[in-house]
Protein backbone atom coordinates (compact mmCIF):
# COMPACT_ATOMS: atom_id res chain seq x y z
CA UNK A 1 -110.45 9.37 100.86
CA UNK A 2 -108.08 6.48 101.96
CA UNK A 3 -110.12 3.69 103.82
CA UNK A 4 -109.63 3.95 107.41
CA UNK A 5 -108.51 1.17 109.92
CA UNK A 6 -109.44 0.40 113.54
CA UNK A 7 -107.14 -1.30 115.81
CA UNK A 8 -108.71 -4.59 117.63
CA UNK A 9 -110.07 -4.03 120.89
CA UNK A 10 -107.32 -6.00 123.33
CA UNK A 11 -108.63 -9.52 124.04
CA UNK A 12 -106.40 -9.11 127.53
CA UNK A 13 -104.99 -6.35 129.06
CA UNK A 14 -102.08 -6.05 131.79
CA UNK A 15 -101.83 -2.64 133.34
CA UNK A 16 -98.93 -2.55 136.04
CA UNK A 17 -100.37 -5.72 136.86
CA UNK A 18 -99.00 -8.40 139.79
CA UNK A 19 -99.77 -10.99 142.24
CA UNK A 20 -97.65 -11.15 145.68
CA UNK A 21 -97.91 -14.88 147.36
CA UNK A 22 -98.00 -14.79 150.96
CA UNK A 23 -94.64 -15.78 152.22
CA UNK A 24 -92.45 -14.76 149.19
CA UNK A 25 -89.72 -12.61 149.68
CA UNK A 26 -90.57 -10.61 146.49
CA UNK A 27 -93.80 -10.58 144.28
CA UNK A 28 -94.42 -13.24 141.49
CA UNK A 29 -95.31 -10.92 139.14
CA UNK A 30 -95.19 -7.17 138.95
CA UNK A 31 -95.56 -4.49 136.98
CA UNK A 32 -96.55 -6.18 133.78
CA UNK A 33 -98.64 -4.14 130.79
CA UNK A 34 -99.33 -5.27 127.82
CA UNK A 35 -102.45 -6.19 125.08
CA UNK A 36 -102.94 -9.27 122.99
CA UNK A 37 -104.95 -9.26 120.42
CA UNK A 38 -107.66 -11.78 118.94
CA UNK A 39 -106.05 -14.52 117.54
CA UNK A 40 -102.31 -14.21 118.26
CA UNK A 41 -100.26 -16.86 119.12
CA UNK A 42 -98.21 -16.34 122.08
CA UNK A 43 -95.47 -18.15 123.82
CA UNK A 44 -94.35 -16.78 127.82
CA UNK A 45 -90.59 -17.59 128.42
CA UNK A 46 -88.75 -16.98 131.63
CA UNK A 47 -86.96 -18.41 134.28
CA UNK A 48 -88.46 -21.05 136.84
CA UNK A 49 -90.54 -18.60 139.51
CA UNK A 50 -90.89 -15.90 136.98
CA UNK A 51 -94.67 -16.01 137.27
CA UNK A 52 -95.38 -17.72 134.00
CA UNK A 53 -98.00 -19.70 135.60
CA UNK A 54 -99.29 -17.24 137.73
CA UNK A 55 -100.20 -14.95 134.96
CA UNK A 56 -102.10 -17.97 132.93
CA UNK A 57 -103.82 -18.53 136.32
CA UNK A 58 -104.36 -14.83 137.01
CA UNK A 59 -106.15 -14.31 133.29
CA UNK A 60 -108.16 -17.51 134.09
CA UNK A 61 -109.94 -16.10 137.14
CA UNK A 62 -108.17 -18.61 139.57
CA UNK A 63 -106.25 -15.07 141.17
CA UNK A 64 -107.90 -11.83 141.77
CA UNK A 65 -110.39 -10.21 143.37
CA UNK A 66 -113.29 -12.35 142.10
CA UNK A 67 -111.45 -15.34 142.84
CA UNK A 68 -112.59 -16.36 146.14
CA UNK A 69 -108.97 -16.84 146.65
CA UNK A 70 -108.06 -16.36 150.61
CA UNK A 71 -106.63 -12.65 150.96
CA UNK A 72 -104.13 -13.92 153.34
CA UNK A 73 -102.74 -16.49 150.54
CA UNK A 74 -101.48 -13.17 148.89
CA UNK A 75 -102.22 -10.03 147.10
CA UNK A 76 -103.48 -8.92 144.26
CA UNK A 77 -102.12 -6.17 141.85
CA UNK A 78 -102.28 -3.30 139.55
CA UNK A 79 -105.02 -4.25 136.47
CA UNK A 80 -106.33 -7.01 134.55
CA UNK A 81 -108.72 -7.55 131.71
CA UNK A 82 -110.20 -10.45 129.84
CA UNK A 83 -112.79 -10.17 127.73
CA UNK A 84 -112.64 -13.95 126.09
CA UNK A 85 -113.74 -16.71 127.95
CA UNK A 86 -110.72 -18.90 129.04
CA UNK A 87 -109.97 -22.69 128.86
CA UNK A 88 -106.47 -23.54 130.99
CA UNK A 89 -104.95 -26.87 131.27
CA UNK A 90 -103.30 -26.32 134.47
CA UNK A 91 -99.06 -27.39 135.08
CA UNK A 92 -101.31 -30.11 137.15
CA UNK A 93 -103.57 -32.37 135.58
CA UNK A 94 -103.94 -34.50 138.44
CA UNK A 95 -105.77 -30.60 139.95
CA UNK A 96 -107.52 -30.79 136.46
CA UNK A 97 -109.57 -34.06 136.27
CA UNK A 98 -113.01 -33.84 137.43
CA UNK A 99 -114.91 -36.88 137.20
CA UNK A 100 -114.59 -40.80 137.71
CA UNK A 101 -114.76 -41.45 133.92
CA UNK A 102 -112.87 -40.01 131.05
CA UNK A 103 -116.15 -38.77 129.04
CA UNK A 104 -117.96 -37.12 131.82
CA UNK A 105 -114.66 -35.07 132.35
CA UNK A 106 -114.50 -33.77 129.15
CA UNK A 107 -117.92 -33.20 129.33
CA UNK A 108 -118.24 -31.37 132.74
CA UNK A 109 -117.14 -27.99 131.10
CA UNK A 110 -119.92 -28.43 128.67
CA UNK A 111 -122.57 -28.98 131.33
CA UNK A 112 -121.22 -26.38 132.88
CA UNK A 113 -121.73 -23.89 130.27
CA UNK A 114 -125.40 -25.34 129.71
CA UNK A 115 -124.36 -26.83 125.72
CA UNK A 116 -127.55 -28.47 124.70
CA UNK A 117 -127.30 -32.50 125.51
CA UNK A 118 -127.59 -33.37 121.50
CA UNK A 119 -124.10 -31.58 121.26
CA UNK A 120 -122.15 -32.59 124.29
CA UNK A 121 -120.89 -36.20 123.45
CA UNK A 122 -120.33 -35.69 119.85
CA UNK A 123 -118.27 -32.30 120.99
CA UNK A 124 -116.64 -34.52 123.89
CA UNK A 125 -115.88 -37.70 120.98
CA UNK A 126 -114.24 -34.90 118.93
CA UNK A 127 -111.77 -33.74 121.52
CA UNK A 128 -110.73 -37.05 122.66
CA UNK A 129 -109.65 -38.20 118.96
CA UNK A 130 -108.28 -34.27 118.83
CA UNK A 131 -105.54 -35.17 121.77
CA UNK A 132 -105.32 -38.52 120.68
CA UNK A 133 -107.21 -39.99 123.06
CA UNK A 134 -109.53 -42.03 121.24
CA UNK A 135 -109.77 -44.96 120.60
CA UNK A 136 -106.96 -45.58 123.16
CA UNK A 137 -109.37 -44.75 125.73
CA UNK A 138 -113.11 -45.29 126.36
CA UNK A 139 -115.82 -42.58 127.10
CA UNK A 140 -116.65 -45.16 130.52
CA UNK A 141 -112.89 -45.56 131.30
CA UNK A 142 -111.53 -44.54 135.20
CA UNK A 143 -109.80 -41.67 134.87
CA UNK A 144 -107.84 -42.29 138.36
CA UNK A 145 -105.92 -45.20 136.42
CA UNK A 146 -104.37 -42.81 133.46
CA UNK A 147 -100.72 -42.26 133.52
CA UNK A 148 -99.41 -38.69 133.91
CA UNK A 149 -98.80 -37.94 130.13
CA UNK A 150 -102.77 -39.41 129.60
CA UNK A 151 -104.17 -36.92 132.44
CA UNK A 152 -102.54 -33.75 130.81
CA UNK A 153 -103.83 -34.51 127.06
CA UNK A 154 -107.44 -35.75 129.04
CA UNK A 155 -107.66 -32.12 130.33
CA UNK A 156 -106.66 -30.54 126.81
CA UNK A 157 -109.79 -32.75 125.57
CA UNK A 158 -111.95 -31.09 128.25
CA UNK A 159 -110.52 -27.33 127.04
CA UNK A 160 -110.75 -27.96 123.30
CA UNK A 161 -114.65 -29.13 123.65
CA UNK A 162 -115.61 -25.69 125.28
CA UNK A 163 -113.92 -24.37 122.50
CA UNK A 164 -112.79 -20.96 124.35
CA UNK A 165 -111.79 -17.67 123.34
CA UNK A 166 -108.69 -17.95 124.98
CA UNK A 167 -106.73 -21.33 125.28
CA UNK A 168 -104.11 -20.91 128.22
CA UNK A 169 -101.29 -23.64 128.22
CA UNK A 170 -99.27 -24.25 131.26
CA UNK A 171 -96.02 -26.74 129.99
CA UNK A 172 -98.95 -29.16 128.36
CA UNK A 173 -95.81 -31.39 127.09
CA UNK A 174 -94.17 -31.97 130.00
CA UNK A 175 -95.23 -35.20 130.73
CA UNK A 176 -95.04 -36.18 127.23
CA UNK A 177 -93.44 -39.25 125.85
CA UNK A 178 -91.25 -37.49 122.64
CA UNK A 179 -93.30 -39.63 119.99
CA UNK A 180 -96.21 -37.79 121.21
CA UNK A 181 -95.31 -34.24 121.34
CA UNK A 182 -95.89 -33.11 117.71
CA UNK A 183 -99.05 -34.81 117.88
CA UNK A 184 -100.31 -32.67 121.00
CA UNK A 185 -98.63 -29.77 119.71
CA UNK A 186 -101.27 -30.18 116.44
CA UNK A 187 -104.53 -30.23 118.89
CA UNK A 188 -104.31 -27.30 119.99
CA UNK A 189 -102.91 -25.58 117.19
CA UNK A 190 -106.26 -26.60 114.52
CA UNK A 191 -108.74 -25.98 117.46
CA UNK A 192 -106.94 -22.07 117.93
CA UNK A 193 -107.25 -22.40 113.93
CA UNK A 194 -110.44 -23.22 113.54
CA UNK A 195 -112.05 -20.65 116.06
CA UNK A 196 -110.00 -18.28 115.94
CA UNK A 197 -109.18 -18.28 119.42
CA UNK A 198 -106.03 -16.70 120.76
CA UNK A 199 -102.85 -19.04 121.94
CA UNK A 200 -101.14 -18.27 125.10
CA UNK A 201 -98.63 -20.83 125.71
CA UNK A 202 -95.72 -21.43 128.68
CA UNK A 203 -93.42 -24.34 127.95
CA UNK A 204 -89.45 -24.35 128.63
CA UNK A 205 -88.77 -26.28 125.70
CA UNK A 206 -89.43 -23.93 122.49
CA UNK A 207 -88.86 -26.11 119.64
CA UNK A 208 -92.12 -27.95 118.79
CA UNK A 209 -94.01 -24.82 118.84
CA UNK A 210 -91.94 -22.08 117.93
CA UNK A 211 -92.39 -22.54 113.81
CA UNK A 212 -96.59 -21.95 114.98
CA UNK A 213 -95.91 -18.84 117.34
CA UNK A 214 -96.43 -15.18 116.23
CA UNK A 215 -94.99 -13.39 119.55
CA UNK A 216 -93.14 -13.83 122.52
CA UNK A 217 -93.12 -12.42 126.02
CA UNK A 218 -90.52 -12.64 128.27
CA UNK A 219 -91.05 -12.12 131.92
CA UNK A 220 -88.84 -11.33 134.35
CA UNK A 221 -87.83 -9.18 137.63
CA UNK A 222 -89.51 -6.00 137.17
CA UNK A 223 -92.04 -6.76 134.45
CA UNK A 224 -91.80 -8.04 131.00
CA UNK A 225 -88.34 -8.56 130.01
CA UNK A 226 -88.82 -8.72 125.74
CA UNK A 227 -92.22 -8.17 123.79
CA UNK A 228 -92.58 -8.93 120.14
CA UNK A 229 -92.83 -10.83 116.72
CA UNK A 230 -90.99 -14.12 117.35
CA UNK A 231 -88.06 -13.57 115.63
CA UNK A 232 -87.42 -10.23 116.42
CA UNK A 233 -87.41 -11.45 120.26
CA UNK A 234 -85.07 -14.30 119.32
CA UNK A 235 -82.45 -12.39 116.75
CA UNK A 236 -82.03 -9.69 119.66
CA UNK A 237 -82.07 -11.33 123.02
CA UNK A 238 -81.24 -15.03 122.42
CA UNK A 239 -77.52 -15.46 124.01
CA UNK A 240 -79.08 -12.83 127.40
CA UNK A 241 -81.92 -15.49 127.79
CA UNK A 242 -79.88 -18.18 127.24
CA UNK A 243 -77.28 -16.95 129.73
CA UNK A 244 -80.05 -16.05 132.55
CA UNK A 245 -81.46 -20.16 131.47
CA UNK A 246 -84.33 -19.80 129.26
CA UNK A 247 -84.21 -22.65 126.65
CA UNK A 248 -84.15 -20.74 123.25
CA UNK A 249 -82.78 -22.91 120.51
CA UNK A 250 -78.58 -23.18 120.38
CA UNK A 251 -76.51 -26.17 121.86
CA UNK A 252 -77.87 -27.87 125.00
CA UNK A 253 -76.21 -27.51 128.40
CA UNK A 254 -72.92 -28.64 129.62
CA UNK A 255 -73.96 -31.93 131.58
CA UNK A 256 -72.22 -34.69 133.25
CA UNK A 257 -72.39 -37.92 130.68
CA UNK A 258 -73.29 -41.35 132.27
CA UNK A 259 -71.45 -44.19 132.58
CA UNK A 260 -70.21 -46.32 129.55
CA UNK A 261 -69.25 -50.02 129.76
CA UNK A 262 -65.39 -48.97 130.73
CA UNK A 263 -66.63 -46.37 133.55
CA UNK A 264 -69.23 -48.69 134.95
CA UNK A 265 -68.28 -49.19 138.37
CA UNK A 266 -67.76 -53.14 139.51
CA UNK A 267 -70.95 -55.21 139.54
CA UNK A 268 -70.77 -56.53 143.11
CA UNK A 269 -72.03 -59.87 144.62
CA UNK A 270 -75.02 -58.43 145.87
CA UNK A 271 -77.65 -55.58 144.15
CA UNK A 272 -78.92 -52.90 146.55
CA UNK A 273 -82.58 -54.07 145.11
CA UNK A 274 -83.23 -56.49 142.38
CA UNK A 275 -86.74 -57.26 141.01
CA UNK A 276 -86.97 -60.48 139.47
CA UNK A 277 -90.28 -61.82 137.45
CA UNK A 278 -92.31 -58.28 138.33
CA UNK A 279 -95.63 -57.76 137.69
CA UNK A 280 -97.34 -53.85 138.63
CA UNK A 281 -100.36 -52.32 138.74
CA UNK A 282 -102.85 -51.05 140.84
CA UNK A 283 -105.80 -54.01 140.72
CA UNK A 284 -104.42 -57.65 140.78
CA UNK A 285 -106.63 -58.45 137.77
CA UNK A 286 -105.07 -55.78 135.56
CA UNK A 287 -101.25 -56.13 135.53
CA UNK A 288 -100.09 -52.40 133.49
CA UNK A 289 -96.45 -54.52 133.12
CA UNK A 290 -95.01 -58.27 133.41
CA UNK A 291 -92.32 -60.38 134.53
CA UNK A 292 -89.81 -57.55 134.85
CA UNK A 293 -86.50 -58.05 135.68
CA UNK A 294 -84.43 -55.15 137.15
CA UNK A 295 -80.96 -54.82 139.13
CA UNK A 296 -80.03 -52.03 140.59
CA UNK A 297 -76.32 -51.33 142.39
CA UNK A 298 -75.09 -48.68 144.92
CA UNK A 299 -74.04 -45.49 143.34
CA UNK A 300 -75.90 -46.93 139.68
CA UNK A 301 -77.39 -44.44 137.45
CA UNK A 302 -81.11 -46.49 135.69
CA UNK A 303 -83.26 -44.29 133.92
CA UNK A 304 -86.67 -46.21 133.30
CA UNK A 305 -88.58 -44.73 129.82
CA UNK A 306 -91.02 -45.44 127.92
CA UNK A 307 -93.95 -44.11 126.19
CA UNK A 308 -97.48 -42.89 128.39
CA UNK A 309 -98.89 -45.52 129.96
CA UNK A 310 -96.51 -47.66 129.90
CA UNK A 311 -96.45 -48.18 133.65
CA UNK A 312 -92.92 -46.29 134.41
CA UNK A 313 -94.38 -44.22 137.39
CA UNK A 314 -96.43 -47.86 138.15
CA UNK A 315 -92.85 -49.56 138.14
CA UNK A 316 -91.08 -46.37 140.06
CA UNK A 317 -93.72 -47.57 143.30
CA UNK A 318 -93.38 -50.75 143.59
CA UNK A 319 -89.45 -50.47 143.30
CA UNK A 320 -90.16 -47.80 146.35
CA UNK A 321 -92.10 -50.12 148.26
CA UNK A 322 -95.46 -47.86 147.44
CA UNK A 323 -96.88 -50.58 145.86
CA UNK A 324 -96.92 -54.43 146.42
CA UNK A 325 -95.86 -56.61 143.57
CA UNK A 326 -98.70 -58.11 142.24
CA UNK A 327 -96.41 -61.13 141.37
CA UNK A 328 -92.56 -61.69 141.06
CA UNK A 329 -90.61 -60.19 144.19
CA UNK A 330 -88.75 -57.11 144.70
CA UNK A 331 -85.96 -57.64 147.20
CA UNK A 332 -83.70 -55.52 149.09
CA UNK A 333 -79.50 -56.59 149.13
CA UNK A 334 -78.67 -56.99 152.92
CA UNK A 335 -76.78 -53.63 152.67
CA UNK A 336 -80.59 -51.58 152.15
CA UNK A 337 -82.57 -53.95 154.85
CA UNK A 338 -79.63 -54.32 157.47
CA UNK A 339 -81.97 -54.82 160.67
CA UNK A 340 -85.47 -55.25 158.90
CA UNK A 341 -86.99 -58.39 159.28
CA UNK A 342 -88.18 -58.67 156.12
CA UNK A 343 -86.00 -57.52 152.19
CA UNK A 344 -89.38 -56.66 150.71
CA UNK A 345 -89.89 -52.58 150.72
CA UNK A 346 -93.45 -53.01 150.51
CA UNK A 347 -93.25 -54.41 154.05
CA UNK A 348 -91.53 -51.75 156.14
CA UNK A 349 -92.97 -49.34 157.90
CA UNK A 350 -93.19 -45.70 157.12
CA UNK A 351 -90.45 -44.45 158.76
CA UNK A 352 -87.86 -47.64 158.02
CA UNK A 353 -88.94 -47.01 154.22
CA UNK A 354 -87.98 -43.06 153.96
CA UNK A 355 -84.78 -43.51 156.02
CA UNK A 356 -83.62 -46.41 152.86
CA UNK A 357 -85.62 -44.94 149.94
CA UNK A 358 -86.33 -41.95 148.66
CA UNK A 359 -89.49 -41.19 146.68
CA UNK A 360 -89.97 -37.92 144.49
CA UNK A 361 -93.77 -38.61 143.03
CA UNK A 362 -94.73 -37.34 139.61
CA UNK A 363 -97.48 -34.53 141.31
CA UNK A 364 -94.62 -32.93 144.30
CA UNK A 365 -97.92 -31.73 145.76
CA UNK A 366 -98.46 -35.32 147.03
CA UNK A 367 -95.82 -35.16 149.18
CA UNK A 368 -95.50 -31.48 150.70
CA UNK A 369 -96.56 -31.87 154.64
CA UNK A 370 -95.78 -28.71 156.45
CA UNK A 371 -96.39 -24.83 155.81
CA UNK A 372 -93.02 -23.31 155.20
CA UNK A 373 -90.37 -24.37 152.42
CA UNK A 374 -88.12 -24.43 155.41
CA UNK A 375 -90.09 -26.64 157.82
CA UNK A 376 -90.61 -29.02 154.19
CA UNK A 377 -86.89 -29.18 154.64
CA UNK A 378 -86.31 -29.93 158.19
CA UNK A 379 -88.73 -32.71 158.73
CA UNK A 380 -87.98 -35.78 158.89
CA UNK A 381 -84.74 -34.24 161.26
CA UNK A 382 -82.93 -33.45 158.58
CA UNK A 383 -79.95 -31.44 160.45
CA UNK A 384 -80.01 -27.05 159.84
CA UNK A 385 -76.69 -27.06 158.23
CA UNK A 386 -77.96 -29.67 155.78
CA UNK A 387 -81.04 -27.39 155.41
CA UNK A 388 -79.46 -24.53 154.28
CA UNK A 389 -77.02 -26.14 152.13
CA UNK A 390 -80.40 -27.40 150.32
CA UNK A 391 -82.23 -23.83 149.86
CA UNK A 392 -78.62 -22.78 148.23
CA UNK A 393 -78.52 -25.51 145.93
CA UNK A 394 -82.16 -25.84 144.95
CA UNK A 395 -82.27 -21.93 144.16
CA UNK A 396 -85.22 -21.80 146.89
CA UNK A 397 -83.67 -19.64 149.36
CA UNK A 398 -85.94 -16.66 148.50
CA UNK A 399 -89.01 -19.01 148.80
CA UNK A 400 -88.38 -20.27 152.64
CA UNK A 401 -90.84 -18.77 154.02
CA UNK A 402 -93.28 -19.48 151.82
CA UNK A 403 -95.93 -22.40 152.04
CA UNK A 404 -94.72 -25.22 149.34
CA UNK A 405 -98.27 -24.96 147.67
CA UNK A 406 -97.77 -21.45 146.17
CA UNK A 407 -94.65 -22.20 144.49
CA UNK A 408 -94.13 -22.81 141.33
CA UNK A 409 -93.93 -25.42 139.05
CA UNK A 410 -90.65 -26.19 138.68
CA UNK A 411 -89.57 -24.51 142.09
CA UNK A 412 -92.12 -27.50 143.72
CA UNK A 413 -90.31 -30.23 141.38
CA UNK A 414 -86.87 -28.99 143.58
CA UNK A 415 -88.65 -28.60 146.64
CA UNK A 416 -89.57 -32.52 145.83
CA UNK A 417 -86.42 -33.88 145.54
CA UNK A 418 -84.94 -32.05 148.57
CA UNK A 419 -87.33 -33.43 151.24
CA UNK A 420 -85.97 -37.00 149.49
CA UNK A 421 -82.63 -35.99 150.11
CA UNK A 422 -83.24 -35.09 153.90
CA UNK A 423 -82.31 -37.07 157.11
CA UNK A 424 -78.70 -37.12 158.50
CA UNK A 425 -77.21 -39.07 155.91
CA UNK A 426 -80.02 -39.37 153.09
CA UNK A 427 -81.68 -42.64 152.06
CA UNK A 428 -78.96 -45.48 149.87
CA UNK A 429 -82.18 -45.21 146.97
CA UNK A 430 -83.44 -42.67 145.05
CA UNK A 431 -86.62 -43.03 142.77
CA UNK A 432 -87.51 -39.71 140.92
CA UNK A 433 -90.66 -39.20 138.59
CA UNK A 434 -89.94 -36.73 135.73
CA UNK A 435 -87.21 -34.77 138.06
CA UNK A 436 -86.80 -32.61 135.53
CA UNK A 437 -90.13 -31.31 135.05
CA UNK A 438 -90.99 -27.79 134.87
CA UNK A 439 -87.33 -26.84 135.07
CA UNK A 440 -85.66 -23.99 132.88
CA UNK A 441 -82.20 -24.35 131.61
CA UNK A 442 -80.25 -23.48 134.74
CA UNK A 443 -81.96 -25.19 137.06
CA UNK A 444 -82.41 -28.14 134.89
CA UNK A 445 -78.63 -28.20 134.66
CA UNK A 446 -77.69 -27.67 138.28
CA UNK A 447 -81.05 -30.68 139.42
CA UNK A 448 -78.97 -33.25 137.10
CA UNK A 449 -75.91 -32.04 138.42
CA UNK A 450 -76.63 -32.49 141.68
CA UNK A 451 -78.19 -35.88 141.53
CA UNK A 452 -75.18 -37.63 139.15
CA UNK A 453 -73.21 -36.09 141.97
CA UNK A 454 -74.71 -38.08 144.40
CA UNK A 455 -74.55 -41.58 141.99
CA UNK A 456 -70.93 -41.08 141.97
CA UNK A 457 -71.03 -40.77 145.59
CA UNK A 458 -72.36 -44.35 145.98
CA UNK A 459 -76.64 -43.14 146.34
CA UNK A 460 -78.46 -45.36 143.23
CA UNK A 461 -80.60 -43.09 141.50
CA UNK A 462 -83.58 -44.25 139.08
CA UNK A 463 -85.30 -41.90 137.09
CA UNK A 464 -88.62 -41.86 135.24
CA UNK A 465 -87.87 -39.85 132.47
CA UNK A 466 -89.49 -38.98 128.54
CA UNK A 467 -86.04 -36.59 128.34
CA UNK A 468 -83.02 -37.92 126.35
CA UNK A 469 -80.60 -35.38 128.10
CA UNK A 470 -81.40 -36.87 131.65
CA UNK A 471 -80.56 -40.31 130.35
CA UNK A 472 -77.32 -39.20 128.54
CA UNK A 473 -76.31 -37.99 131.85
CA UNK A 474 -77.65 -40.02 134.71
CA UNK A 475 -78.61 -43.91 132.49
CA UNK A 476 -75.74 -46.29 133.11
CA UNK A 477 -78.81 -48.14 132.45
CA UNK A 478 -81.75 -47.42 130.22
CA UNK A 479 -84.97 -49.82 130.87
CA UNK A 480 -87.50 -49.09 128.76
CA UNK A 481 -90.65 -50.53 128.81
């Protein structure tokens, strides 16, 4: 008599599942039906706004009938069953930091799980080592002074310390410098291998994950577009996915090329903005970077690069007048500060600053002020025809009536760029922190081309980025910290 084998019980079961955000023209998700089994390593793909982050949030209980979400904010559809505890690393690591000190932040989940006290701190220290934050950071270091990439690794440490049955990662490498990506990918892989946990990963850039993934699920309009073993999905659907804008292995998208020496704009007698001997940081006694010299001219593209924690975002905020220099100076040229009493941007009033220097923060939510996407784009006296142009150019028309906070990560990023471009004429200088975060292949190319066009038209564009494709398209000059 031949032995019988029983099918394992799924850890996740979806039956016609969906979620509709209030104000969106179509559901973020609908018609999803599938089972995910213990120990599987699953990559979730889809274009920007396809509902990948929404699905992870639903699995973790952020959306649904027991989540506490206001019914006016959305509608729960179909059925979802989750049989293991889910550890979710959010797309925005700022939203996941809960404690003032690094060690306490990682310990928070363990304390809420009532893990014995004598086990907590060894697990905290192990998790920090696993994600590469120890010995870089100590248990008592402040979480408020961490870079975006460090916060991303801290959030992962907090999840891994809890040893959940399902590890769900929402773009975990998006703000990570290229040198650190292999280690960050390895950390959750080692954890799920040791514990037998199920791994779900949402990423736009697939290469670091593909060798380690068992299964690919592609989300799209109408539900699940493709589902199967990694090799089968890529072999059968790669061309179609690439055409739709999903990042799959192959040639990069067609992009403009940064100016070389023979294409450079003529150097003007006076720069648009100049930093001289600039020290930047958040507290006077602890500068992050010292003695920076930088000249920015009208129509120039400048890319600021470097490893996580090098001070890229702090430099961008200081150039944009949102942080005062700790030493040296940032001085605007006569064309940028015309009509103002001071040439130093940090001394300008907010209305004066916004009209001259547009800033796109690393985390888009920090700059949203209005109830709907349309109102956000119109804020600051942007003409109606300009709002309509931006809705189409940034692929946001279908969410025009939605709350900015209900958008996907990629949609939020495009909206934040649109708000910085508002007003009757737009700013003379645009400073963007990780402008291509969360973008699929198509929206990435469209956003980069838009920024290059602005540069060609005379707007100076300064971008903080880890992406070599962005540097190749926008970096007339690269400043590596």
